[in-house]
Amino acid sequence: MQGSVYRKVERDYDIKRQRAISEAKKFKQSVYDNNPRLAQIEDEINTISLKSAKARIFSDDLSREVEQQKLEVELAKLNFEYDEELKKIGMTRKDFEPKYECSKCNDTGYFENKICSCFSQQLINESFKQSNLSKIKEENFETFDYGYYSTCNDKEKYGIDKSPLENIDAIRKLAYKFSHNLDDPEQKNLLFTGSTGLGKTFLANCIAAEVIKQGKSVIYQTAPILLDKMTDYKFKFNKTEDEKDEYDKIFEVDLLIIDDLGTEAMNSAKFSELFNILNTRLLKNKKILISTNLTPQEIKREYEERIFSRFVGDFMICRFVGEDIRLLKKKIANK
């Protein structure tokens, strides 16, 4: 693919790589300004390295060997002194290296002569404008907080036989296992159900973060936007290369996350596209995570039997219960 999205991401990668290199140079210069001996040693190392290169080219065999040995001794002494000077200020040479976002491709977008997984994910992010995935640095399994879930076991209130804390702990463990078993044909897909503010989106982000960390790709989109995009593409006559690639990715991406199912205005075309997404990805063993405020009974009532049967047969249904975390956070902030 060499469309406009690809070219934009390529430009973005070039900019952020050059920024990392520039920032590394500025940092190194600031250290040298405060430790001038480091700069002097580096100049001396460069001078000797140049002499060594000239000796290899212009000297006869005997002179070359004598000169090389002498220069190597001087070089070793200078490198040792350089490292010792760095040690005095609690640093190593590694501290001067550019801080690239991707340690595999060093922000080139390519790793081992192939497109890097980070570049592929960025293409997806750019195509789908995935605002939720911008939160995965803050919302992941490491930052998941059990403190918002009650230890109270109240079946009448929550409709389950365990406390919200026990329930979310079980769901979190299941979600972590799911994120590491995308390629397993025996691994079922996930359906998160429950009222707003119970952590469905947060846990979906945890899964997305873990999947991306493994070098796999994720599309995270709300049901209204996703189904609008799919139906618009189907009825469009002049399809661009970027639009075709965007449509194809829905079926090929490693993990598809559909948020807010049930908030879309459905019609026959959207029912057809939703079934097509589910059926095609299930046949290809491409995993799906769906999040909805609807109960399973409401899903059965709102959607066709063939769609509901996919949820029952191919998804693990995770019911979220508890108090609205957003309201709890407001109460804590106002205390």
C-alpha atoms as a PDB file:
ATOM      1  CA  MET A   1       0.000   0.000   0.000  1.00  0.00           C
ATOM      2  CA  GLN A   2       1.414   3.379  -1.025  1.00  0.00           C
ATOM      3  CA  GLY A   3      -1.656   5.581  -0.497  1.00  0.00           C
ATOM      4  CA  SER A   4      -1.953   8.926   1.256  1.00  0.00           C
ATOM      5  CA  VAL A   5      -2.247   7.341   4.714  1.00  0.00           C
ATOM      6  CA  TYR A   6       0.974   5.373   4.154  1.00  0.00           C
ATOM      7  CA  ARG A   7       2.831   8.488   2.992  1.00  0.00           C
ATOM      8  CA  LYS A   8       1.592  10.494   5.986  1.00  0.00           C
ATOM      9  CA  VAL A   9       2.721   7.836   8.463  1.00  0.00           C
ATOM     10  CA  GLU A  10       6.078   7.615   6.664  1.00  0.00           C
ATOM     11  CA  ARG A  11       6.526  11.388   7.090  1.00  0.00           C
ATOM     12  CA  ASP A  12       5.498  11.158  10.743  1.00  0.00           C
ATOM     13  CA  TYR A  13       8.096   8.437  11.356  1.00  0.00           C
ATOM     14  CA  ASP A  14      10.826  10.457   9.680  1.00  0.00           C
ATOM     15  CA  ILE A  15       9.930  13.485  11.824  1.00  0.00           C
ATOM     16  CA  LYS A  16       9.877  11.600  15.127  1.00  0.00           C
ATOM     17  CA  ARG A  17      13.141   9.772  14.304  1.00  0.00           C
ATOM     18  CA  GLN A  18      14.893  13.046  13.506  1.00  0.00           C
ATOM     19  CA  ARG A  19      13.410  14.576  16.665  1.00  0.00           C
ATOM     20  CA  ALA A  20      14.818  11.742  18.793  1.00  0.00           C
ATOM     21  CA  ILE A  21      18.252  12.155  17.197  1.00  0.00           C
ATOM     22  CA  SER A  22      18.162  15.929  17.656  1.00  0.00           C
ATOM     23  CA  GLU A  23      17.104  15.658  21.300  1.00  0.00           C
ATOM     24  CA  ALA A  24      19.901  13.146  21.954  1.00  0.00           C
ATOM     25  CA  LYS A  25      22.451  15.546  20.450  1.00  0.00           C
ATOM     26  CA  LYS A  26      21.128  18.447  22.553  1.00  0.00           C
ATOM     27  CA  PHE A  27      21.268  16.352  25.705  1.00  0.00           C
ATOM     28  CA  LYS A  28      24.815  15.225  24.973  1.00  0.00           C
ATOM     29  CA  GLN A  29      25.905  18.816  24.360  1.00  0.00           C
ATOM     30  CA  SER A  30      24.347  19.930  27.663  1.00  0.00           C
ATOM     31  CA  VAL A  31      26.310  17.214  29.491  1.00  0.00           C
ATOM     32  CA  TYR A  32      29.507  18.267  27.685  1.00  0.00           C
ATOM     33  CA  ASP A  33      28.887  21.926  28.608  1.00  0.00           C
ATOM     34  CA  ASN A  34      28.925  20.929  32.271  1.00  0.00           C
ATOM     35  CA  ASN A  35      31.761  18.412  31.841  1.00  0.00           C
ATOM     36  CA  PRO A  36      34.215  19.859  29.279  1.00  0.00           C
ATOM     37  CA  ARG A  37      36.741  17.053  29.768  1.00  0.00           C
ATOM     38  CA  LEU A  38      34.274  14.644  28.129  1.00  0.00           C
ATOM     39  CA  ALA A  39      34.216  16.798  24.999  1.00  0.00           C
ATOM     40  CA  GLN A  40      38.020  16.979  24.983  1.00  0.00           C
ATOM     41  CA  ILE A  41      38.356  13.200  25.253  1.00  0.00           C
ATOM     42  CA  GLU A  42      35.879  12.672  22.413  1.00  0.00           C
ATOM     43  CA  ASP A  43      37.872  15.086  20.219  1.00  0.00           C
ATOM     44  CA  GLU A  44      41.064  13.198  21.026  1.00  0.00           C
ATOM     45  CA  ILE A  45      39.392   9.852  20.256  1.00  0.00           C
ATOM     46  CA  ASN A  46      38.191  11.185  16.900  1.00  0.00           C
ATOM     47  CA  THR A  47      41.656  12.524  16.079  1.00  0.00           C
ATOM     48  CA  ILE A  48      43.346   9.204  16.869  1.00  0.00           C
ATOM     49  CA  SER A  49      40.696   7.272  14.923  1.00  0.00           C
ATOM     50  CA  LEU A  50      41.430   9.453  11.907  1.00  0.00           C
ATOM     51  CA  LYS A  51      45.180   8.870  12.287  1.00  0.00           C
ATOM     52  CA  SER A  52      44.526   5.127  12.495  1.00  0.00           C
ATOM     53  CA  ALA A  53      42.521   5.201   9.266  1.00  0.00           C
ATOM     54  CA  LYS A  54      45.277   7.132   7.455  1.00  0.00           C
ATOM     55  CA  ALA A  55      47.949   4.750   8.772  1.00  0.00           C
ATOM     56  CA  ARG A  56      46.078   1.779   7.315  1.00  0.00           C
ATOM     57  CA  ILE A  57      45.991   3.429   3.895  1.00  0.00           C
ATOM     58  CA  PHE A  58      49.319   5.229   3.531  1.00  0.00           C
ATOM     59  CA  SER A  59      51.879   3.332   5.660  1.00  0.00           C
ATOM     60  CA  ASP A  60      53.991   0.339   4.653  1.00  0.00           C
ATOM     61  CA  ASP A  61      53.306  -2.981   6.375  1.00  0.00           C
ATOM     62  CA  LEU A  62      55.876  -2.650   9.176  1.00  0.00           C
ATOM     63  CA  SER A  63      55.186   1.012   9.907  1.00  0.00           C
ATOM     64  CA  ARG A  64      51.455   0.352   9.760  1.00  0.00           C
ATOM     65  CA  GLU A  65      51.645  -2.407  12.379  1.00  0.00           C
ATOM     66  CA  VAL A  66      53.787  -0.350  14.791  1.00  0.00           C
ATOM     67  CA  GLU A  67      51.621   2.741  14.358  1.00  0.00           C
ATOM     68  CA  GLN A  68      48.400   0.765  14.739  1.00  0.00           C
ATOM     69  CA  GLN A  69      49.531  -0.818  17.997  1.00  0.00           C
ATOM     70  CA  LYS A  70      50.544   2.557  19.384  1.00  0.00           C
ATOM     71  CA  LEU A  71      47.243   4.178  18.395  1.00  0.00           C
ATOM     72  CA  GLU A  72      45.196   1.281  19.782  1.00  0.00           C
ATOM     73  CA  VAL A  73      46.875   1.679  23.195  1.00  0.00           C
ATOM     74  CA  GLU A  74      46.151   5.427  23.186  1.00  0.00           C
ATOM     75  CA  LEU A  75      42.578   4.773  22.091  1.00  0.00           C
ATOM     76  CA  ALA A  76      41.994   2.222  24.853  1.00  0.00           C
ATOM     77  CA  LYS A  77      43.290   4.676  27.473  1.00  0.00           C
ATOM     78  CA  LEU A  78      41.044   7.462  26.210  1.00  0.00           C
ATOM     79  CA  ASN A  79      37.968   5.229  26.058  1.00  0.00           C
ATOM     80  CA  PHE A  80      38.637   4.064  29.620  1.00  0.00           C
ATOM     81  CA  GLU A  81      39.012   7.672  30.808  1.00  0.00           C
ATOM     82  CA  TYR A  82      35.816   8.657  28.956  1.00  0.00           C
ATOM     83  CA  ASP A  83      33.833   5.888  30.672  1.00  0.00           C
ATOM     84  CA  GLU A  84      35.317   6.834  34.051  1.00  0.00           C
ATOM     85  CA  GLU A  85      34.330  10.485  33.583  1.00  0.00           C
ATOM     86  CA  LEU A  86      30.784   9.373  32.749  1.00  0.00           C
ATOM     87  CA  LYS A  87      30.727   7.107  35.794  1.00  0.00           C
ATOM     88  CA  LYS A  88      31.546  10.091  38.034  1.00  0.00           C
ATOM     89  CA  ILE A  89      28.274  11.744  36.997  1.00  0.00           C
ATOM     90  CA  GLY A  90      26.268   8.521  37.105  1.00  0.00           C
ATOM     91  CA  MET A  91      26.025   7.981  33.360  1.00  0.00           C
ATOM     92  CA  THR A  92      27.052   5.570  30.609  1.00  0.00           C
ATOM     93  CA  ARG A  93      27.402   5.962  26.844  1.00  0.00           C
ATOM     94  CA  LYS A  94      23.930   4.455  26.484  1.00  0.00           C
ATOM     95  CA  ASP A  95      22.455   7.619  27.998  1.00  0.00           C
ATOM     96  CA  PHE A  96      23.537   9.520  24.873  1.00  0.00           C
ATOM     97  CA  GLU A  97      21.649   7.228  22.501  1.00  0.00           C
ATOM     98  CA  PRO A  98      18.437   8.575  20.904  1.00  0.00           C
ATOM     99  CA  LYS A  99      15.261   7.557  22.771  1.00  0.00           C
ATOM    100  CA  TYR A 100      13.250   6.011  19.960  1.00  0.00           C
ATOM    101  CA  GLU A 101       9.614   5.064  20.544  1.00  0.00           C
ATOM    102  CA  CYS A 102      10.189   1.641  18.992  1.00  0.00           C
ATOM    103  CA  SER A 103      13.334  -0.180  20.069  1.00  0.00           C
ATOM    104  CA  LYS A 104      12.932  -2.757  17.290  1.00  0.00           C
ATOM    105  CA  CYS A 105      13.008  -0.460  14.249  1.00  0.00           C
ATOM    106  CA  ASN A 106      14.476   2.684  15.893  1.00  0.00           C
ATOM    107  CA  ASP A 107      11.524   4.619  14.433  1.00  0.00           C
ATOM    108  CA  THR A 108      12.449   3.793  10.841  1.00  0.00           C
ATOM    109  CA  GLY A 109       9.243   1.783  10.384  1.00  0.00           C
ATOM    110  CA  TYR A 110      11.210  -1.237   9.116  1.00  0.00           C
ATOM    111  CA  PHE A 111      12.643  -4.236  10.955  1.00  0.00           C
ATOM    112  CA  GLU A 112      14.587  -7.041   9.285  1.00  0.00           C
ATOM    113  CA  ASN A 113      13.634  -5.741   5.815  1.00  0.00           C
ATOM    114  CA  LYS A 114       9.918  -5.831   6.648  1.00  0.00           C
ATOM    115  CA  ILE A 115       7.398  -3.245   7.808  1.00  0.00           C
ATOM    116  CA  CYS A 116       7.659  -3.089  11.607  1.00  0.00           C
ATOM    117  CA  SER A 117       4.583  -4.002  13.664  1.00  0.00           C
ATOM    118  CA  CYS A 118       4.580  -0.490  15.169  1.00  0.00           C
ATOM    119  CA  PHE A 119       4.355   1.024  11.669  1.00  0.00           C
ATOM    120  CA  SER A 120       1.500  -1.312  10.733  1.00  0.00           C
ATOM    121  CA  GLN A 121      -0.369  -0.346  13.899  1.00  0.00           C
ATOM    122  CA  GLN A 122       0.204   3.342  13.184  1.00  0.00           C
ATOM    123  CA  LEU A 123      -1.290   2.889   9.719  1.00  0.00           C
ATOM    124  CA  ILE A 124      -4.377   1.424  11.373  1.00  0.00           C
ATOM    125  CA  ASN A 125      -4.530   4.200  13.978  1.00  0.00           C
ATOM    126  CA  GLU A 126      -4.301   6.837  11.266  1.00  0.00           C
ATOM    127  CA  SER A 127      -6.954   5.163   9.118  1.00  0.00           C
ATOM    128  CA  PHE A 128      -9.419   4.678  11.948  1.00  0.00           C
ATOM    129  CA  LYS A 129      -8.515   7.698  14.132  1.00  0.00           C
ATOM    130  CA  GLN A 130      -8.578   5.465  17.195  1.00  0.00           C
ATOM    131  CA  SER A 131      -8.965   7.869  20.108  1.00  0.00           C
ATOM    132  CA  ASN A 132      -9.345   5.059  22.649  1.00  0.00           C
ATOM    133  CA  LEU A 133      -5.947   3.612  21.794  1.00  0.00           C
ATOM    134  CA  SER A 134      -4.319   6.903  22.749  1.00  0.00           C
ATOM    135  CA  LYS A 135      -5.091   5.935  26.359  1.00  0.00           C
ATOM    136  CA  ILE A 136      -3.322   2.583  26.482  1.00  0.00           C
ATOM    137  CA  LYS A 137      -0.189   4.037  28.092  1.00  0.00           C
ATOM    138  CA  GLU A 138      -2.335   4.939  31.106  1.00  0.00           C
ATOM    139  CA  GLU A 139      -4.950   2.186  30.837  1.00  0.00           C
ATOM    140  CA  ASN A 140      -3.297  -1.226  30.906  1.00  0.00           C
ATOM    141  CA  PHE A 141      -3.048  -4.307  33.117  1.00  0.00           C
ATOM    142  CA  GLU A 142      -0.285  -2.704  35.202  1.00  0.00           C
ATOM    143  CA  THR A 143      -2.464   0.322  36.082  1.00  0.00           C
ATOM    144  CA  PHE A 144      -5.711  -1.607  36.622  1.00  0.00           C
ATOM    145  CA  ASP A 145      -7.138  -0.594  40.024  1.00  0.00           C
ATOM    146  CA  TYR A 146      -9.290  -3.007  42.041  1.00  0.00           C
ATOM    147  CA  GLY A 147     -10.046  -0.274  44.588  1.00  0.00           C
ATOM    148  CA  TYR A 148     -13.243   0.842  42.861  1.00  0.00           C
ATOM    149  CA  TYR A 149     -14.974  -2.543  43.250  1.00  0.00           C
ATOM    150  CA  SER A 150     -16.962  -3.485  46.329  1.00  0.00           C
ATOM    151  CA  THR A 151     -16.224  -6.578  48.424  1.00  0.00           C
ATOM    152  CA  CYS A 152     -19.927  -6.768  49.330  1.00  0.00           C
ATOM    153  CA  ASN A 153     -21.708  -9.951  48.216  1.00  0.00           C
ATOM    154  CA  ASP A 154     -25.252  -8.803  47.401  1.00  0.00           C
ATOM    155  CA  LYS A 155     -27.077 -10.997  44.884  1.00  0.00           C
ATOM    156  CA  GLU A 156     -30.246  -8.922  45.070  1.00  0.00           C
ATOM    157  CA  LYS A 157     -28.342  -5.740  44.165  1.00  0.00           C
ATOM    158  CA  TYR A 158     -25.810  -7.080  41.648  1.00  0.00           C
ATOM    159  CA  GLY A 159     -27.590 -10.145  40.290  1.00  0.00           C
ATOM    160  CA  ILE A 160     -24.617 -12.481  40.754  1.00  0.00           C
ATOM    161  CA  ASP A 161     -23.438 -14.852  43.476  1.00  0.00           C
ATOM    162  CA  LYS A 162     -20.134 -13.059  44.144  1.00  0.00           C
ATOM    163  CA  SER A 163     -18.951  -9.584  45.010  1.00  0.00           C
ATOM    164  CA  PRO A 164     -18.061  -7.021  42.297  1.00  0.00           C
ATOM    165  CA  LEU A 165     -14.402  -7.388  43.376  1.00  0.00           C
ATOM    166  CA  GLU A 166     -14.409 -11.172  42.948  1.00  0.00           C
ATOM    167  CA  ASN A 167     -16.236 -10.769  39.644  1.00  0.00           C
ATOM    168  CA  ILE A 168     -13.840  -8.204  38.165  1.00  0.00           C
ATOM    169  CA  ASP A 169     -10.826 -10.230  39.326  1.00  0.00           C
ATOM    170  CA  ALA A 170     -12.135 -13.235  37.380  1.00  0.00           C
ATOM    171  CA  ILE A 171     -12.823 -11.081  34.295  1.00  0.00           C
ATOM    172  CA  ARG A 172      -9.380  -9.453  34.472  1.00  0.00           C
ATOM    173  CA  LYS A 173      -7.652 -12.855  34.596  1.00  0.00           C
ATOM    174  CA  LEU A 174      -9.775 -14.066  31.684  1.00  0.00           C
ATOM    175  CA  ALA A 175      -8.975 -10.880  29.726  1.00  0.00           C
ATOM    176  CA  TYR A 176      -5.215 -11.280  30.291  1.00  0.00           C
ATOM    177  CA  LYS A 177      -5.337 -14.896  29.126  1.00  0.00           C
ATOM    178  CA  PHE A 178      -7.373 -13.839  26.074  1.00  0.00           C
ATOM    179  CA  SER A 179      -4.789 -11.190  25.120  1.00  0.00           C
ATOM    180  CA  HIS A 180      -2.081 -13.879  24.985  1.00  0.00           C
ATOM    181  CA  ASN A 181      -4.112 -16.501  23.115  1.00  0.00           C
ATOM    182  CA  LEU A 182      -5.334 -14.715  19.996  1.00  0.00           C
ATOM    183  CA  ASP A 183      -3.982 -17.413  17.694  1.00  0.00           C
ATOM    184  CA  ASP A 184      -5.551 -20.297  19.619  1.00  0.00           C
ATOM    185  CA  PRO A 185      -8.595 -21.693  17.753  1.00  0.00           C
ATOM    186  CA  GLU A 186      -9.966 -22.903  21.111  1.00  0.00           C
ATOM    187  CA  GLN A 187      -9.883 -19.393  22.577  1.00  0.00           C
ATOM    188  CA  LYS A 188     -13.372 -17.867  22.442  1.00  0.00           C
ATOM    189  CA  ASN A 189     -14.024 -14.200  21.722  1.00  0.00           C
ATOM    190  CA  LEU A 190     -15.162 -11.791  24.444  1.00  0.00           C
ATOM    191  CA  LEU A 191     -18.447  -9.952  24.985  1.00  0.00           C
ATOM    192  CA  PHE A 192     -18.359  -7.343  27.768  1.00  0.00           C
ATOM    193  CA  THR A 193     -21.823  -6.395  29.052  1.00  0.00           C
ATOM    194  CA  GLY A 194     -22.897  -4.053  31.846  1.00  0.00           C
ATOM    195  CA  SER A 195     -23.903  -0.504  32.657  1.00  0.00           C
ATOM    196  CA  THR A 196     -21.694   2.500  31.939  1.00  0.00           C
ATOM    197  CA  GLY A 197     -18.782   3.303  34.230  1.00  0.00           C
ATOM    198  CA  LEU A 198     -17.981  -0.248  35.339  1.00  0.00           C
ATOM    199  CA  GLY A 199     -14.598  -0.593  33.605  1.00  0.00           C
ATOM    200  CA  LYS A 200     -15.477  -2.225  30.274  1.00  0.00           C
ATOM    201  CA  THR A 201     -13.574   0.328  28.183  1.00  0.00           C
ATOM    202  CA  PHE A 202     -10.624   0.358  30.589  1.00  0.00           C
ATOM    203  CA  LEU A 203     -10.267  -3.420  30.413  1.00  0.00           C
ATOM    204  CA  ALA A 204     -10.637  -3.335  26.610  1.00  0.00           C
ATOM    205  CA  ASN A 205      -7.710  -0.897  26.565  1.00  0.00           C
ATOM    206  CA  CYS A 206      -5.738  -3.259  28.835  1.00  0.00           C
ATOM    207  CA  ILE A 207      -6.224  -6.030  26.278  1.00  0.00           C
ATOM    208  CA  ALA A 208      -5.330  -3.737  23.356  1.00  0.00           C
ATOM    209  CA  ALA A 209      -2.141  -2.592  25.102  1.00  0.00           C
ATOM    210  CA  GLU A 210      -1.073  -6.174  25.792  1.00  0.00           C
ATOM    211  CA  VAL A 211      -1.790  -7.288  22.209  1.00  0.00           C
ATOM    212  CA  ILE A 212       0.129  -4.367  20.681  1.00  0.00           C
ATOM    213  CA  LYS A 213       3.025  -5.065  23.078  1.00  0.00           C
ATOM    214  CA  GLN A 214       3.291  -8.501  21.428  1.00  0.00           C
ATOM    215  CA  GLY A 215       3.663  -6.920  17.978  1.00  0.00           C
ATOM    216  CA  LYS A 216       0.107  -7.716  16.915  1.00  0.00           C
ATOM    217  CA  SER A 217      -2.391  -5.267  15.426  1.00  0.00           C
ATOM    218  CA  VAL A 218      -5.610  -3.852  16.863  1.00  0.00           C
ATOM    219  CA  ILE A 219      -8.556  -1.900  15.504  1.00  0.00           C
ATOM    220  CA  TYR A 220     -10.628  -0.217  18.217  1.00  0.00           C
ATOM    221  CA  GLN A 221     -13.793   1.427  16.918  1.00  0.00           C
ATOM    222  CA  THR A 222     -17.285   2.248  18.163  1.00  0.00           C
ATOM    223  CA  ALA A 223     -20.130   0.292  16.569  1.00  0.00           C
ATOM    224  CA  PRO A 224     -21.822   3.389  15.048  1.00  0.00           C
ATOM    225  CA  ILE A 225     -18.668   4.619  13.305  1.00  0.00           C
ATOM    226  CA  LEU A 226     -17.545   1.154  12.232  1.00  0.00           C
ATOM    227  CA  LEU A 227     -20.875   0.146  10.687  1.00  0.00           C
ATOM    228  CA  ASP A 228     -21.265   3.537   9.000  1.00  0.00           C
ATOM    229  CA  LYS A 229     -17.808   3.114   7.449  1.00  0.00           C
ATOM    230  CA  MET A 230     -18.592  -0.420   6.292  1.00  0.00           C
ATOM    231  CA  THR A 231     -21.934   0.430   4.670  1.00  0.00           C
ATOM    232  CA  ASP A 232     -20.602   3.649   3.114  1.00  0.00           C
ATOM    233  CA  TYR A 233     -17.794   1.660   1.512  1.00  0.00           C
ATOM    234  CA  LYS A 234     -20.152  -0.991   0.168  1.00  0.00           C
ATOM    235  CA  PHE A 235     -22.351   1.566  -1.590  1.00  0.00           C
ATOM    236  CA  LYS A 236     -19.548   3.783  -2.872  1.00  0.00           C
ATOM    237  CA  PHE A 237     -18.703   3.510  -6.578  1.00  0.00           C
ATOM    238  CA  ASN A 238     -15.246   5.082  -6.796  1.00  0.00           C
ATOM    239  CA  LYS A 239     -13.290   3.478  -3.959  1.00  0.00           C
ATOM    240  CA  THR A 240      -9.791   4.755  -3.201  1.00  0.00           C
ATOM    241  CA  GLU A 241      -6.839   2.529  -2.369  1.00  0.00           C
ATOM    242  CA  ASP A 242      -6.873   3.792   1.232  1.00  0.00           C
ATOM    243  CA  GLU A 243     -10.591   3.041   1.592  1.00  0.00           C
ATOM    244  CA  LYS A 244     -10.163  -0.492   0.251  1.00  0.00           C
ATOM    245  CA  ASP A 245      -7.239  -1.119   2.574  1.00  0.00           C
ATOM    246  CA  GLU A 246      -9.247   0.226   5.519  1.00  0.00           C
ATOM    247  CA  TYR A 247     -12.165  -2.065   4.685  1.00  0.00           C
ATOM    248  CA  ASP A 248      -9.933  -5.134   4.276  1.00  0.00           C
ATOM    249  CA  LYS A 249      -8.220  -4.506   7.616  1.00  0.00           C
ATOM    250  CA  ILE A 250     -11.535  -5.002   9.437  1.00  0.00           C
ATOM    251  CA  PHE A 251     -11.326  -8.680   8.486  1.00  0.00           C
ATOM    252  CA  GLU A 252      -7.541  -9.168   8.719  1.00  0.00           C
ATOM    253  CA  VAL A 253      -6.410  -7.291  11.834  1.00  0.00           C
ATOM    254  CA  ASP A 254      -5.318  -9.550  14.728  1.00  0.00           C
ATOM    255  CA  LEU A 255      -7.890  -8.126  17.153  1.00  0.00           C
ATOM    256  CA  LEU A 256     -11.041  -6.148  16.385  1.00  0.00           C
ATOM    257  CA  ILE A 257     -12.578  -4.262  19.327  1.00  0.00           C
ATOM    258  CA  ILE A 258     -16.130  -2.986  18.775  1.00  0.00           C
ATOM    259  CA  ASP A 259     -17.221  -0.591  21.516  1.00  0.00           C
ATOM    260  CA  ASP A 260     -20.731   0.662  22.343  1.00  0.00           C
ATOM    261  CA  LEU A 261     -22.646  -2.008  20.448  1.00  0.00           C
ATOM    262  CA  GLY A 262     -26.315  -1.097  20.669  1.00  0.00           C
ATOM    263  CA  THR A 263     -25.868   2.678  20.271  1.00  0.00           C
ATOM    264  CA  GLU A 264     -25.904   2.515  16.456  1.00  0.00           C
ATOM    265  CA  ALA A 265     -29.026   3.201  14.366  1.00  0.00           C
ATOM    266  CA  MET A 266     -29.491  -0.195  12.729  1.00  0.00           C
ATOM    267  CA  ASN A 267     -30.940  -0.971   9.316  1.00  0.00           C
ATOM    268  CA  SER A 268     -30.857  -4.021   7.072  1.00  0.00           C
ATOM    269  CA  ALA A 269     -27.532  -2.988   5.474  1.00  0.00           C
ATOM    270  CA  LYS A 270     -25.856  -2.603   8.884  1.00  0.00           C
ATOM    271  CA  PHE A 271     -27.291  -5.882  10.145  1.00  0.00           C
ATOM    272  CA  SER A 272     -25.776  -7.508   7.075  1.00  0.00           C
ATOM    273  CA  GLU A 273     -22.365  -5.878   7.623  1.00  0.00           C
ATOM    274  CA  LEU A 274     -22.276  -6.767  11.313  1.00  0.00           C
ATOM    275  CA  PHE A 275     -23.032 -10.393  10.489  1.00  0.00           C
ATOM    276  CA  ASN A 276     -20.401 -10.323   7.734  1.00  0.00           C
ATOM    277  CA  ILE A 277     -17.766  -9.011  10.168  1.00  0.00           C
ATOM    278  CA  LEU A 278     -18.598 -11.607  12.814  1.00  0.00           C
ATOM    279  CA  ASN A 279     -18.911 -14.541  10.436  1.00  0.00           C
ATOM    280  CA  THR A 280     -15.804 -13.782   8.348  1.00  0.00           C
ATOM    281  CA  ARG A 281     -13.548 -13.171  11.337  1.00  0.00           C
ATOM    282  CA  LEU A 282     -14.823 -16.277  13.133  1.00  0.00           C
ATOM    283  CA  LEU A 283     -14.095 -18.401  10.062  1.00  0.00           C
ATOM    284  CA  LYS A 284     -10.570 -16.951   9.894  1.00  0.00           C
ATOM    285  CA  ASN A 285      -9.980 -17.395  13.638  1.00  0.00           C
ATOM    286  CA  LYS A 286      -9.511 -13.635  13.993  1.00  0.00           C
ATOM    287  CA  LYS A 287     -10.472 -12.586  17.498  1.00  0.00           C
ATOM    288  CA  ILE A 288     -13.173 -10.058  18.415  1.00  0.00           C
ATOM    289  CA  LEU A 289     -13.926  -8.146  21.603  1.00  0.00           C
ATOM    290  CA  ILE A 290     -17.341  -6.472  21.803  1.00  0.00           C
ATOM    291  CA  SER A 291     -18.428  -4.092  24.546  1.00  0.00           C
ATOM    292  CA  THR A 292     -22.064  -3.123  25.121  1.00  0.00           C
ATOM    293  CA  ASN A 293     -24.403  -1.649  27.744  1.00  0.00           C
ATOM    294  CA  LEU A 294     -27.082  -4.106  26.616  1.00  0.00           C
ATOM    295  CA  THR A 295     -27.881  -7.277  28.532  1.00  0.00           C
ATOM    296  CA  PRO A 296     -27.825 -10.601  26.636  1.00  0.00           C
ATOM    297  CA  GLN A 297     -31.639 -10.538  26.673  1.00  0.00           C
ATOM    298  CA  GLU A 298     -31.660  -7.062  25.107  1.00  0.00           C
ATOM    299  CA  ILE A 299     -29.117  -8.161  22.482  1.00  0.00           C
ATOM    300  CA  LYS A 300     -31.391 -11.080  21.572  1.00  0.00           C
ATOM    301  CA  ARG A 301     -34.338  -8.707  21.221  1.00  0.00           C
ATOM    302  CA  GLU A 302     -32.485  -6.014  19.240  1.00  0.00           C
ATOM    303  CA  TYR A 303     -30.482  -8.174  16.810  1.00  0.00           C
ATOM    304  CA  GLU A 304     -31.237 -10.955  14.369  1.00  0.00           C
ATOM    305  CA  GLU A 305     -31.170 -14.545  15.617  1.00  0.00           C
ATOM    306  CA  ARG A 306     -28.173 -15.384  13.416  1.00  0.00           C
ATOM    307  CA  ILE A 307     -26.157 -12.574  15.061  1.00  0.00           C
ATOM    308  CA  PHE A 308     -27.246 -13.479  18.591  1.00  0.00           C
ATOM    309  CA  SER A 309     -26.406 -17.143  17.966  1.00  0.00           C
ATOM    310  CA  ARG A 310     -22.801 -16.114  17.167  1.00  0.00           C
ATOM    311  CA  PHE A 311     -22.555 -14.361  20.526  1.00  0.00           C
ATOM    312  CA  VAL A 312     -23.918 -17.375  22.388  1.00  0.00           C
ATOM    313  CA  GLY A 313     -21.798 -19.948  20.565  1.00  0.00           C
ATOM    314  CA  ASP A 314     -18.481 -18.177  19.943  1.00  0.00           C
ATOM    315  CA  PHE A 315     -18.134 -15.600  22.739  1.00  0.00           C
ATOM    316  CA  MET A 316     -17.500 -15.718  26.462  1.00  0.00           C
ATOM    317  CA  ILE A 317     -19.974 -13.304  28.043  1.00  0.00           C
ATOM    318  CA  CYS A 318     -18.446 -11.215  30.828  1.00  0.00           C
ATOM    319  CA  ARG A 319     -20.949  -9.335  32.949  1.00  0.00           C
ATOM    320  CA  PHE A 320     -19.607  -6.223  34.712  1.00  0.00           C
ATOM    321  CA  VAL A 321     -21.306  -5.195  37.967  1.00  0.00           C
ATOM    322  CA  GLY A 322     -20.691  -2.631  40.687  1.00  0.00           C
ATOM    323  CA  GLU A 323     -20.857   1.117  41.190  1.00  0.00           C
ATOM    324  CA  ASP A 324     -20.239   3.726  38.474  1.00  0.00           C
ATOM    325  CA  ILE A 325     -16.472   4.349  38.734  1.00  0.00           C
ATOM    326  CA  ARG A 326     -16.789   7.815  37.185  1.00  0.00           C
ATOM    327  CA  LEU A 327     -19.193   8.865  39.963  1.00  0.00           C
ATOM    328  CA  LEU A 328     -16.933   7.301  42.598  1.00  0.00           C
ATOM    329  CA  LYS A 329     -13.977   9.297  41.261  1.00  0.00           C
ATOM    330  CA  LYS A 330     -16.014  12.515  41.404  1.00  0.00           C
ATOM    331  CA  LYS A 331     -16.985  11.822  45.016  1.00  0.00           C
ATOM    332  CA  ILE A 332     -13.339  11.192  45.937  1.00  0.00           C
ATOM    333  CA  ALA A 333     -12.241  14.381  44.121  1.00  0.00           C
ATOM    334  CA  ASN A 334     -14.883  16.485  45.921  1.00  0.00           C
ATOM    335  CA  LYS A 335     -13.914  15.296  49.402  1.00  0.00           C
END
